[in-house]
Amino acid sequence: MHCSRRPLALLALALLSLALPAQTQAQGTPRPDADPRIQKLVAAVSAERLRAIVAKLESFGTRSTLSDTVSTTRGIGAARRWIHEEFTRSSPKLQVAFDRHPIAQQGRITRDVELVNVVAVPPRTLAASRVHQRPLRHGEPARRDGRGATVHARPAARA
């Protein structure tokens, strides 16, 4: 299923899994063959925390590839620094870094820019949680319903 809500939901789940959210009760009776580790992760999902993450991402106004990278409160730079801080704060064991890629002027990219992903690697694993910010049209805001979301979380093995 390709949908613009999926990337934002994946980011929220990645941040949520690291941020020690308040426990919520899972709905329904678990299947007898259910993995208890997965049950524990699902039970830890907090709708309130997900809403807070989406609200924070919206507060940056835009995460367009061409937006401000210097401001501490607006644009793609502020958003990626916040994501980096969230991963770093969530666990001192995570290896958190910026993964930088120069993008030459092309199509809707009207000037040379640096695309910066946030990468968080758990200890003793080969897979990384990689947060990608996809290029948006200049000034395109994120929308409350998830359309225009600019971040994806996915294992590095699939990146």
Protein backbone atom coordinates (compact mmCIF):
# COMPACT_ATOMS: atom_id res chain seq x y z
CA MET A 1 0.00 0.00 0.00
CA HIS A 2 1.52 3.29 -1.05
CA CYS A 3 0.07 6.15 0.92
CA SER A 4 1.42 9.45 2.16
CA ARG A 5 0.29 8.66 5.73
CA ARG A 6 2.55 5.62 5.97
CA PRO A 7 5.90 7.47 6.15
CA LEU A 8 4.73 9.73 8.96
CA ALA A 9 3.26 6.78 10.83
CA LEU A 10 6.54 4.88 10.47
CA LEU A 11 8.52 7.84 11.81
CA ALA A 12 6.14 8.19 14.71
CA LEU A 13 6.47 4.49 15.53
CA ALA A 14 10.27 4.67 15.28
CA LEU A 15 10.41 7.63 17.67
CA LEU A 16 7.77 6.07 19.88
CA SER A 17 9.69 2.83 20.24
CA LEU A 18 12.66 4.81 21.52
CA ALA A 19 10.93 7.35 23.73
CA LEU A 20 9.55 5.17 26.55
CA PRO A 21 5.90 6.14 26.06
CA ALA A 22 3.21 5.60 28.66
CA GLN A 23 1.82 2.08 28.59
CA THR A 24 -1.61 1.63 27.04
CA GLN A 25 -3.73 -1.48 27.22
CA ALA A 26 -3.86 -3.55 24.02
CA GLN A 27 -7.34 -4.05 22.64
CA GLY A 28 -8.78 -7.53 22.52
CA THR A 29 -7.36 -10.81 23.68
CA PRO A 30 -3.93 -11.68 22.28
CA ARG A 31 -3.61 -14.77 20.13
CA PRO A 32 -2.04 -17.70 21.96
CA ASP A 33 0.76 -17.88 19.38
CA ALA A 34 1.52 -14.14 19.55
CA ASP A 35 5.13 -13.15 20.23
CA PRO A 36 5.25 -11.54 23.70
CA ARG A 37 7.94 -9.09 22.53
CA ILE A 38 5.60 -7.80 19.82
CA GLN A 39 2.69 -7.68 22.27
CA LYS A 40 4.80 -5.53 24.58
CA LEU A 41 5.71 -3.12 21.74
CA VAL A 42 2.08 -2.83 20.60
CA ALA A 43 0.91 -2.24 24.16
CA ALA A 44 3.43 0.60 24.48
CA VAL A 45 1.96 2.57 21.56
CA SER A 46 0.38 5.77 22.84
CA ALA A 47 -2.07 7.68 20.66
CA GLU A 48 -1.29 10.78 22.72
CA ARG A 49 2.45 10.44 22.04
CA LEU A 50 1.80 9.92 18.30
CA ARG A 51 -0.29 13.11 18.22
CA ALA A 52 2.50 14.99 20.04
CA ILE A 53 5.09 13.81 17.50
CA VAL A 54 2.90 14.86 14.55
CA ALA A 55 2.22 18.24 16.20
CA LYS A 56 5.95 18.80 16.74
CA LEU A 57 6.75 17.95 13.12
CA GLU A 58 3.98 20.30 11.99
CA SER A 59 5.45 23.08 14.14
CA PHE A 60 8.45 23.31 11.81
CA GLY A 61 6.06 24.73 9.19
CA THR A 62 7.75 23.08 6.24
CA ARG A 63 10.36 20.43 5.75
CA SER A 64 10.91 21.23 2.10
CA THR A 65 14.35 20.29 0.84
CA LEU A 66 14.80 23.95 -0.09
CA SER A 67 13.68 25.31 3.28
CA ASP A 68 15.78 26.92 6.00
CA THR A 69 18.57 24.73 7.36
CA VAL A 70 19.89 27.24 9.93
CA SER A 71 16.80 28.22 11.94
CA THR A 72 16.28 26.48 15.27
CA THR A 73 12.49 26.63 14.97
CA ARG A 74 11.49 26.36 11.30
CA GLY A 75 12.32 24.32 8.23
CA ILE A 76 14.14 21.15 7.37
CA GLY A 77 17.23 21.90 9.47
CA ALA A 78 15.27 22.39 12.69
CA ALA A 79 13.22 19.25 11.97
CA ARG A 80 16.23 17.01 11.39
CA ARG A 81 18.03 18.34 14.47
CA TRP A 82 14.91 17.64 16.57
CA ILE A 83 14.71 14.07 15.20
CA HIS A 84 18.42 13.59 15.95
CA GLU A 85 17.92 14.88 19.51
CA GLU A 86 14.92 12.59 20.05
CA PHE A 87 16.92 9.52 19.04
CA THR A 88 19.94 10.62 21.11
CA ARG A 89 17.82 11.38 24.17
CA SER A 90 15.93 8.10 23.91
CA SER A 91 18.97 5.89 24.41
CA PRO A 92 22.64 6.60 25.06
CA LYS A 93 23.43 3.27 23.39
CA LEU A 94 22.06 4.30 19.98
CA GLN A 95 24.60 5.44 17.42
CA VAL A 96 22.89 8.51 15.95
CA ALA A 97 24.35 10.36 12.99
CA PHE A 98 23.53 12.59 10.04
CA ASP A 99 23.85 10.88 6.65
CA ARG A 100 24.63 13.65 4.14
CA HIS A 101 24.16 13.58 0.37
CA PRO A 102 24.69 16.47 -2.06
CA ILE A 103 21.83 16.93 -4.51
CA ALA A 104 22.58 18.89 -7.68
CA GLN A 105 20.13 21.37 -9.11
CA GLN A 106 17.61 19.40 -11.15
CA GLY A 107 13.90 19.55 -11.92
CA ARG A 108 12.11 21.03 -8.94
CA ILE A 109 15.37 21.31 -6.98
CA THR A 110 16.17 24.87 -8.03
CA ARG A 111 19.64 25.01 -6.47
CA ASP A 112 22.30 22.63 -5.19
CA VAL A 113 21.33 21.37 -1.73
CA GLU A 114 22.51 18.89 0.85
CA LEU A 115 20.00 16.17 1.71
CA VAL A 116 20.56 15.05 5.30
CA ASN A 117 19.02 11.87 6.69
CA VAL A 118 19.02 10.99 10.39
CA VAL A 119 20.32 7.48 11.06
CA ALA A 120 19.95 5.66 14.41
CA VAL A 121 21.71 2.30 14.78
CA PRO A 122 20.93 0.13 17.81
CA PRO A 123 23.95 -1.55 19.42
CA ARG A 124 25.02 -4.94 18.06
CA THR A 125 22.77 -4.82 15.01
CA LEU A 126 23.42 -4.56 11.33
CA ALA A 127 20.11 -2.85 10.61
CA ALA A 128 19.62 0.86 11.18
CA SER A 129 16.51 2.93 11.58
CA ARG A 130 16.91 5.54 8.90
CA VAL A 131 14.74 8.61 8.78
CA HIS A 132 14.52 10.06 5.28
CA GLN A 133 13.16 13.46 4.42
CA ARG A 134 11.77 13.35 0.91
CA PRO A 135 12.02 16.48 -1.23
CA LEU A 136 8.87 18.61 -1.25
CA ARG A 137 7.83 21.44 -3.49
CA HIS A 138 9.19 24.70 -2.06
CA GLY A 139 6.94 25.88 0.73
CA GLU A 140 4.76 22.75 0.79
CA PRO A 141 3.62 22.27 4.41
CA ALA A 142 2.92 18.99 6.18
CA ARG A 143 -0.79 18.51 6.68
CA ARG A 144 -2.53 17.28 9.81
CA ASP A 145 -4.04 14.31 7.93
CA GLY A 146 -0.55 13.09 6.97
CA ARG A 147 -0.60 14.22 3.33
CA GLY A 148 2.67 15.94 2.52
CA ALA A 149 4.53 13.98 5.18
CA THR A 150 8.23 14.14 4.56
CA VAL A 151 9.79 11.54 6.76
CA HIS A 152 10.19 7.80 6.43
CA ALA A 153 11.60 5.32 8.91
CA ARG A 154 12.85 2.06 7.53
CA PRO A 155 15.54 -0.50 8.19
CA ALA A 156 18.83 0.32 6.48
CA ALA A 157 18.92 -3.19 5.05
CA ARG A 158 15.95 -2.15 2.92
CA ALA A 159 17.15 1.40 2.30
